[in-house]
Protein backbone atom coordinates (compact mmCIF):
# COMPACT_ATOMS: atom_id res chain seq x y z
CA UNK A 1 0.00 0.00 0.00
CA UNK A 2 2.88 2.32 0.81
CA UNK A 3 4.36 1.74 -2.64
CA UNK A 4 1.09 2.76 -4.31
CA UNK A 5 0.95 5.93 -2.21
CA UNK A 6 4.53 6.84 -3.13
CA UNK A 7 3.85 6.12 -6.79
CA UNK A 8 0.77 8.33 -6.92
CA UNK A 9 2.64 11.06 -5.03
CA UNK A 10 5.42 10.89 -7.63
CA UNK A 11 2.88 11.23 -10.45
CA UNK A 12 1.25 14.20 -8.72
CA UNK A 13 4.65 15.83 -8.21
CA UNK A 14 5.53 15.34 -11.88
CA UNK A 15 2.19 16.79 -12.97
CA UNK A 16 2.63 19.76 -10.66
CA UNK A 17 6.16 20.35 -11.96
CA UNK A 18 4.88 20.19 -15.54
CA UNK A 19 2.07 22.63 -14.75
CA UNK A 20 4.47 25.07 -13.07
CA UNK A 21 6.86 24.85 -16.03
CA UNK A 22 4.02 25.62 -18.46
CA UNK A 23 2.85 28.56 -16.37
CA UNK A 24 6.41 29.92 -16.18
CA UNK A 25 6.70 29.66 -19.96
CA UNK A 26 3.39 31.52 -20.39
CA UNK A 27 4.56 34.25 -18.00
CA UNK A 28 7.86 34.55 -19.86
CA UNK A 29 5.99 34.88 -23.17
CA UNK A 30 3.71 37.58 -21.72
CA UNK A 31 6.76 39.41 -20.39
CA UNK A 32 8.47 39.33 -23.80
CA UNK A 33 5.32 40.59 -25.51
CA UNK A 34 4.97 43.39 -22.96
CA UNK A 35 8.61 44.46 -23.36
CA UNK A 36 8.35 44.28 -27.14
CA UNK A 37 5.16 46.33 -27.18
CA UNK A 38 6.55 48.97 -24.83
CA UNK A 39 9.89 49.43 -26.56
CA UNK A 40 8.56 49.40 -30.10
CA UNK A 41 5.65 51.69 -29.25
CA UNK A 42 7.96 54.24 -27.60
CA UNK A 43 10.32 54.11 -30.56
CA UNK A 44 7.81 54.16 -33.41
CA UNK A 45 4.76 56.00 -32.20
CA UNK A 46 5.70 58.84 -29.88
CA UNK A 47 2.51 60.78 -30.67
CA UNK A 48 -0.74 59.25 -29.55
CA UNK A 49 -3.43 59.38 -32.19
CA UNK A 50 -6.54 57.41 -33.09
CA UNK A 51 -4.89 55.70 -36.06
CA UNK A 52 -1.38 54.55 -37.02
CA UNK A 53 0.08 56.21 -40.08
CA UNK A 54 2.01 54.15 -42.65
CA UNK A 55 5.39 55.23 -41.30
CA UNK A 56 4.53 54.17 -37.74
CA UNK A 57 3.08 50.88 -38.97
CA UNK A 58 6.25 50.05 -40.94
CA UNK A 59 8.39 51.10 -37.99
CA UNK A 60 6.47 48.83 -35.61
CA UNK A 61 6.72 45.87 -37.99
CA UNK A 62 10.46 46.42 -38.43
CA UNK A 63 10.97 46.89 -34.70
CA UNK A 64 9.20 43.61 -33.91
CA UNK A 65 11.26 41.77 -36.54
CA UNK A 66 14.54 43.21 -35.23
CA UNK A 67 13.60 42.42 -31.64
CA UNK A 68 12.69 38.82 -32.47
CA UNK A 69 15.77 38.33 -34.67
CA UNK A 70 18.08 39.69 -31.99
CA UNK A 71 16.40 37.60 -29.28
CA UNK A 72 16.76 34.50 -31.45
CA UNK A 73 20.44 35.32 -32.12
CA UNK A 74 21.15 35.86 -28.43
CA UNK A 75 19.42 32.62 -27.40
CA UNK A 76 21.38 30.64 -30.02
CA UNK A 77 24.65 32.24 -28.89
CA UNK A 78 23.93 31.48 -25.23
CA UNK A 79 22.96 27.91 -26.11
CA UNK A 80 26.20 27.36 -28.05
CA UNK A 81 28.32 28.89 -25.29
CA UNK A 82 26.53 26.76 -22.70
CA UNK A 83 27.20 23.60 -24.72
CA UNK A 84 30.87 24.55 -25.15
CA UNK A 85 31.21 25.27 -21.43
CA UNK A 86 29.64 21.93 -20.55
CA UNK A 87 32.07 20.18 -22.89
CA UNK A 88 35.03 22.00 -21.31
CA UNK A 89 33.80 21.19 -17.82
CA UNK A 90 33.37 17.52 -18.67
CA UNK A 91 36.80 17.40 -20.31
CA UNK A 92 38.43 19.12 -17.33
CA UNK A 93 36.74 16.80 -14.86
CA UNK A 94 37.97 13.80 -16.81
CA UNK A 95 41.51 15.11 -17.20
CA UNK A 96 41.74 16.16 -13.56
CA UNK A 97 40.62 12.69 -12.51
CA UNK A 98 43.13 11.17 -14.88
CA UNK A 99 45.92 13.49 -13.74
CA UNK A 100 45.15 12.76 -10.12
CA UNK A 101 45.24 9.01 -10.61
CA UNK A 102 48.53 9.15 -12.50
CA UNK A 103 50.18 11.55 -10.08
CA UNK A 104 49.01 10.06 -6.82
CA UNK A 105 51.53 7.83 -5.05
CA UNK A 106 50.78 4.13 -4.85
CA UNK A 107 47.82 4.27 -7.22
CA UNK A 108 48.68 2.20 -10.23
CA UNK A 109 52.21 3.51 -10.64
CA UNK A 110 53.93 0.39 -9.42
CA UNK A 111 52.08 -2.02 -11.71
CA UNK A 112 53.77 -3.87 -14.58
CA UNK A 113 51.35 -2.23 -17.03
CA UNK A 114 52.50 1.22 -15.98
CA UNK A 115 56.19 0.37 -16.30
CA UNK A 116 55.64 -1.24 -19.70
CA UNK A 117 53.77 1.81 -20.98
CA UNK A 118 56.27 4.19 -19.39
CA UNK A 119 59.34 2.41 -20.77
CA UNK A 120 57.85 1.93 -24.24
CA UNK A 121 57.14 5.65 -24.51
CA UNK A 122 60.84 6.38 -24.06
CA UNK A 123 62.24 3.52 -26.10
CA UNK A 124 60.19 4.39 -29.20
CA UNK A 125 61.56 7.97 -29.29
C-alpha atoms as a PDB file:
ATOM      1  CA  UNK A   1       0.000   0.000   0.000  1.00  0.00           C
ATOM      2  CA  UNK A   2       2.876   2.318   0.812  1.00  0.00           C
ATOM      3  CA  UNK A   3       4.357   1.737  -2.639  1.00  0.00           C
ATOM      4  CA  UNK A   4       1.086   2.758  -4.312  1.00  0.00           C
ATOM      5  CA  UNK A   5       0.953   5.925  -2.213  1.00  0.00           C
ATOM      6  CA  UNK A   6       4.528   6.836  -3.133  1.00  0.00           C
ATOM      7  CA  UNK A   7       3.848   6.123  -6.792  1.00  0.00           C
ATOM      8  CA  UNK A   8       0.766   8.334  -6.923  1.00  0.00           C
ATOM      9  CA  UNK A   9       2.635  11.061  -5.035  1.00  0.00           C
ATOM     10  CA  UNK A  10       5.417  10.886  -7.634  1.00  0.00           C
ATOM     11  CA  UNK A  11       2.882  11.226 -10.450  1.00  0.00           C
ATOM     12  CA  UNK A  12       1.247  14.199  -8.721  1.00  0.00           C
ATOM     13  CA  UNK A  13       4.653  15.834  -8.214  1.00  0.00           C
ATOM     14  CA  UNK A  14       5.528  15.342 -11.885  1.00  0.00           C
ATOM     15  CA  UNK A  15       2.185  16.790 -12.972  1.00  0.00           C
ATOM     16  CA  UNK A  16       2.629  19.764 -10.659  1.00  0.00           C
ATOM     17  CA  UNK A  17       6.161  20.351 -11.956  1.00  0.00           C
ATOM     18  CA  UNK A  18       4.884  20.194 -15.541  1.00  0.00           C
ATOM     19  CA  UNK A  19       2.066  22.632 -14.750  1.00  0.00           C
ATOM     20  CA  UNK A  20       4.474  25.065 -13.072  1.00  0.00           C
ATOM     21  CA  UNK A  21       6.856  24.851 -16.027  1.00  0.00           C
ATOM     22  CA  UNK A  22       4.024  25.616 -18.463  1.00  0.00           C
ATOM     23  CA  UNK A  23       2.852  28.562 -16.365  1.00  0.00           C
ATOM     24  CA  UNK A  24       6.406  29.924 -16.180  1.00  0.00           C
ATOM     25  CA  UNK A  25       6.695  29.661 -19.964  1.00  0.00           C
ATOM     26  CA  UNK A  26       3.393  31.524 -20.387  1.00  0.00           C
ATOM     27  CA  UNK A  27       4.562  34.246 -18.004  1.00  0.00           C
ATOM     28  CA  UNK A  28       7.863  34.555 -19.864  1.00  0.00           C
ATOM     29  CA  UNK A  29       5.994  34.880 -23.171  1.00  0.00           C
ATOM     30  CA  UNK A  30       3.714  37.582 -21.719  1.00  0.00           C
ATOM     31  CA  UNK A  31       6.763  39.412 -20.391  1.00  0.00           C
ATOM     32  CA  UNK A  32       8.474  39.330 -23.795  1.00  0.00           C
ATOM     33  CA  UNK A  33       5.318  40.592 -25.515  1.00  0.00           C
ATOM     34  CA  UNK A  34       4.972  43.392 -22.962  1.00  0.00           C
ATOM     35  CA  UNK A  35       8.609  44.456 -23.364  1.00  0.00           C
ATOM     36  CA  UNK A  36       8.349  44.279 -27.140  1.00  0.00           C
ATOM     37  CA  UNK A  37       5.163  46.335 -27.175  1.00  0.00           C
ATOM     38  CA  UNK A  38       6.546  48.969 -24.827  1.00  0.00           C
ATOM     39  CA  UNK A  39       9.892  49.432 -26.561  1.00  0.00           C
ATOM     40  CA  UNK A  40       8.558  49.404 -30.104  1.00  0.00           C
ATOM     41  CA  UNK A  41       5.648  51.692 -29.250  1.00  0.00           C
ATOM     42  CA  UNK A  42       7.959  54.239 -27.598  1.00  0.00           C
ATOM     43  CA  UNK A  43      10.321  54.105 -30.561  1.00  0.00           C
ATOM     44  CA  UNK A  44       7.809  54.164 -33.415  1.00  0.00           C
ATOM     45  CA  UNK A  45       4.763  55.996 -32.201  1.00  0.00           C
ATOM     46  CA  UNK A  46       5.695  58.844 -29.875  1.00  0.00           C
ATOM     47  CA  UNK A  47       2.515  60.781 -30.673  1.00  0.00           C
ATOM     48  CA  UNK A  48      -0.738  59.254 -29.548  1.00  0.00           C
ATOM     49  CA  UNK A  49      -3.433  59.377 -32.185  1.00  0.00           C
ATOM     50  CA  UNK A  50      -6.542  57.407 -33.086  1.00  0.00           C
ATOM     51  CA  UNK A  51      -4.888  55.697 -36.061  1.00  0.00           C
ATOM     52  CA  UNK A  52      -1.380  54.553 -37.025  1.00  0.00           C
ATOM     53  CA  UNK A  53       0.083  56.210 -40.077  1.00  0.00           C
ATOM     54  CA  UNK A  54       2.008  54.151 -42.654  1.00  0.00           C
ATOM     55  CA  UNK A  55       5.386  55.231 -41.305  1.00  0.00           C
ATOM     56  CA  UNK A  56       4.527  54.167 -37.742  1.00  0.00           C
ATOM     57  CA  UNK A  57       3.078  50.883 -38.966  1.00  0.00           C
ATOM     58  CA  UNK A  58       6.251  50.049 -40.939  1.00  0.00           C
ATOM     59  CA  UNK A  59       8.395  51.098 -37.992  1.00  0.00           C
ATOM     60  CA  UNK A  60       6.465  48.835 -35.606  1.00  0.00           C
ATOM     61  CA  UNK A  61       6.715  45.874 -37.990  1.00  0.00           C
ATOM     62  CA  UNK A  62      10.463  46.425 -38.426  1.00  0.00           C
ATOM     63  CA  UNK A  63      10.970  46.887 -34.696  1.00  0.00           C
ATOM     64  CA  UNK A  64       9.204  43.615 -33.910  1.00  0.00           C
ATOM     65  CA  UNK A  65      11.255  41.769 -36.536  1.00  0.00           C
ATOM     66  CA  UNK A  66      14.544  43.210 -35.230  1.00  0.00           C
ATOM     67  CA  UNK A  67      13.598  42.417 -31.642  1.00  0.00           C
ATOM     68  CA  UNK A  68      12.690  38.818 -32.473  1.00  0.00           C
ATOM     69  CA  UNK A  69      15.767  38.330 -34.667  1.00  0.00           C
ATOM     70  CA  UNK A  70      18.085  39.694 -31.989  1.00  0.00           C
ATOM     71  CA  UNK A  71      16.397  37.598 -29.283  1.00  0.00           C
ATOM     72  CA  UNK A  72      16.765  34.497 -31.455  1.00  0.00           C
ATOM     73  CA  UNK A  73      20.435  35.316 -32.123  1.00  0.00           C
ATOM     74  CA  UNK A  74      21.155  35.856 -28.431  1.00  0.00           C
ATOM     75  CA  UNK A  75      19.424  32.625 -27.405  1.00  0.00           C
ATOM     76  CA  UNK A  76      21.381  30.639 -30.020  1.00  0.00           C
ATOM     77  CA  UNK A  77      24.653  32.235 -28.892  1.00  0.00           C
ATOM     78  CA  UNK A  78      23.929  31.483 -25.230  1.00  0.00           C
ATOM     79  CA  UNK A  79      22.963  27.915 -26.108  1.00  0.00           C
ATOM     80  CA  UNK A  80      26.204  27.356 -28.048  1.00  0.00           C
ATOM     81  CA  UNK A  81      28.325  28.889 -25.288  1.00  0.00           C
ATOM     82  CA  UNK A  82      26.535  26.764 -22.700  1.00  0.00           C
ATOM     83  CA  UNK A  83      27.200  23.600 -24.716  1.00  0.00           C
ATOM     84  CA  UNK A  84      30.867  24.553 -25.145  1.00  0.00           C
ATOM     85  CA  UNK A  85      31.210  25.274 -21.426  1.00  0.00           C
ATOM     86  CA  UNK A  86      29.645  21.929 -20.548  1.00  0.00           C
ATOM     87  CA  UNK A  87      32.070  20.181 -22.892  1.00  0.00           C
ATOM     88  CA  UNK A  88      35.030  22.000 -21.312  1.00  0.00           C
ATOM     89  CA  UNK A  89      33.800  21.193 -17.820  1.00  0.00           C
ATOM     90  CA  UNK A  90      33.368  17.517 -18.672  1.00  0.00           C
ATOM     91  CA  UNK A  91      36.799  17.402 -20.313  1.00  0.00           C
ATOM     92  CA  UNK A  92      38.425  19.120 -17.332  1.00  0.00           C
ATOM     93  CA  UNK A  93      36.742  16.802 -14.862  1.00  0.00           C
ATOM     94  CA  UNK A  94      37.965  13.797 -16.814  1.00  0.00           C
ATOM     95  CA  UNK A  95      41.505  15.105 -17.205  1.00  0.00           C
ATOM     96  CA  UNK A  96      41.737  16.160 -13.563  1.00  0.00           C
ATOM     97  CA  UNK A  97      40.621  12.693 -12.509  1.00  0.00           C
ATOM     98  CA  UNK A  98      43.130  11.174 -14.884  1.00  0.00           C
ATOM     99  CA  UNK A  99      45.918  13.495 -13.744  1.00  0.00           C
ATOM    100  CA  UNK A 100      45.153  12.756 -10.116  1.00  0.00           C
ATOM    101  CA  UNK A 101      45.236   9.010 -10.615  1.00  0.00           C
ATOM    102  CA  UNK A 102      48.529   9.151 -12.497  1.00  0.00           C
ATOM    103  CA  UNK A 103      50.184  11.553 -10.080  1.00  0.00           C
ATOM    104  CA  UNK A 104      49.008  10.063  -6.819  1.00  0.00           C
ATOM    105  CA  UNK A 105      51.531   7.833  -5.047  1.00  0.00           C
ATOM    106  CA  UNK A 106      50.782   4.128  -4.855  1.00  0.00           C
ATOM    107  CA  UNK A 107      47.818   4.273  -7.216  1.00  0.00           C
ATOM    108  CA  UNK A 108      48.678   2.204 -10.231  1.00  0.00           C
ATOM    109  CA  UNK A 109      52.206   3.513 -10.641  1.00  0.00           C
ATOM    110  CA  UNK A 110      53.930   0.393  -9.424  1.00  0.00           C
ATOM    111  CA  UNK A 111      52.075  -2.019 -11.708  1.00  0.00           C
ATOM    112  CA  UNK A 112      53.768  -3.865 -14.576  1.00  0.00           C
ATOM    113  CA  UNK A 113      51.353  -2.233 -17.026  1.00  0.00           C
ATOM    114  CA  UNK A 114      52.505   1.225 -15.976  1.00  0.00           C
ATOM    115  CA  UNK A 115      56.194   0.367 -16.295  1.00  0.00           C
ATOM    116  CA  UNK A 116      55.642  -1.239 -19.697  1.00  0.00           C
ATOM    117  CA  UNK A 117      53.770   1.811 -20.983  1.00  0.00           C
ATOM    118  CA  UNK A 118      56.274   4.193 -19.389  1.00  0.00           C
ATOM    119  CA  UNK A 119      59.337   2.412 -20.774  1.00  0.00           C
ATOM    120  CA  UNK A 120      57.855   1.932 -24.239  1.00  0.00           C
ATOM    121  CA  UNK A 121      57.138   5.655 -24.514  1.00  0.00           C
ATOM    122  CA  UNK A 122      60.845   6.384 -24.060  1.00  0.00           C
ATOM    123  CA  UNK A 123      62.238   3.518 -26.102  1.00  0.00           C
ATOM    124  CA  UNK A 124      60.192   4.391 -29.203  1.00  0.00           C
ATOM    125  CA  UNK A 125      61.561   7.974 -29.287  1.00  0.00           C
END
